[in-house]
Amino acid sequence: MIKSGSVQDLESLDGSGLLVRLLGWNILGFIVALLLNNMLSVGFDFPGILSLFSTISVQNFSQLAIYLISFFVASYFGVLRRSTTLRHDADIIHRINLFLIRGFFWSVLLIGLVDVTIAFLRVEKILIMLASERVISLLNKPMFVGAYIHVPIFLFSFLLAGFTRTLGFVWLALLIVLAELLIVITRFVFSYEQPFMADLVRYWYAALFLFASAFTLYDEGHVRVDILYAGLIEKTKGLLNAIGCIFLGLSTSLTIVVIAFNGKYSIINKPVMSFEVSQTGTVGMFIKYQLALFLGIFGITMAVQFVSYLLESVADYRGDPGKRTISQEIAH
């Protein structure tokens, strides 16, 4: 028996809700498949899915299978959830994104503190008093620091993200100010300055700018050039936002992800695989490779958030109840 007036029933009868749900979840499935295939291509020398046009092998066929399985799972999941509201799915996707951003925030915070400490001990020759020559030699190698110090901290950060609920952007901004203040004091008062001090500020500032962008989109905090939008009805606003999500937001963010993770010599894979450092060498922080990775994280988190925003916008166009109210102090 179907009860009239139920949003769930309306969506189950209306194909538009199912289509946009399938589109959204399949985009997420594509991102997951792309990252899995990137790991196989970079870490295990798989030829890539495009090699199917020249030759067929077990490796490239298995990479194609990853895409097909991801699309099948995403489509099945979308159909399975057809009795829920679009806003509910949008909220779930947003919460997934919050977890990702929270994990990345903790990683840059902890890695920044640990790496700048190691850099200080290394530059000031304090390690000689604290460690053996072998340990000192290893801490001078970016490959060792990246693989055995940064990576475990990165994994621990996502474990920590599962037990915390703060994004920490306010605290990260405060730490950037304090780090910059410390540079000014040590430079002009004590005539002391080292490259790792500026590296830490750039590292945290890049993370703050790129990681916070997705949450800013959720709160509609990005600057909107508003000429006619404010005077439109909610249905028209929803339609325009949905179109913008697909043709502007998702197209741009997915382009960033595809190009950034395109083969071993892409703008992200190459520096990450070699744990690339800046020209300052051992007197700086070993985090340059992560700055390249930040671009990919930005594209992924923005794409996920645009999927959530797309579902919300279609729900606005359909006139579904439960629309979020955004504070005018946050929205621009």
Foldseek 3Di string as FASTA:
>chain_A
DDDPPDQLVVLVVDCVLLVLQLVLLLVVLVLVLLVVVLCCCQVVVQPELVCVVPPDDPRNVVSVVSSVVSSVVSNVVSVVCSSPALLVVLVVLVVVLLLVLQLVLQLLVVLLVVQLVLLVCLVVVVVVVVDDPVVNVLSLALVSCCPPPSVVSSVVSSVVSVVDDDSCLVVLVVVLVVLVVVQVCCCPPVVDDFQASVVSSVSSVLSSVLSCPLVLVVLQQDDDPDDPQVVDDLLVNLVVLLVCLPPPQLVVLVVQQCQQSPGCPGQQNVCVVRLDADPVRSNHGSCPSVSSVSSNSSSSSSNSSSSSSNSLSVCSNVVPPDRDDHDPVRHD
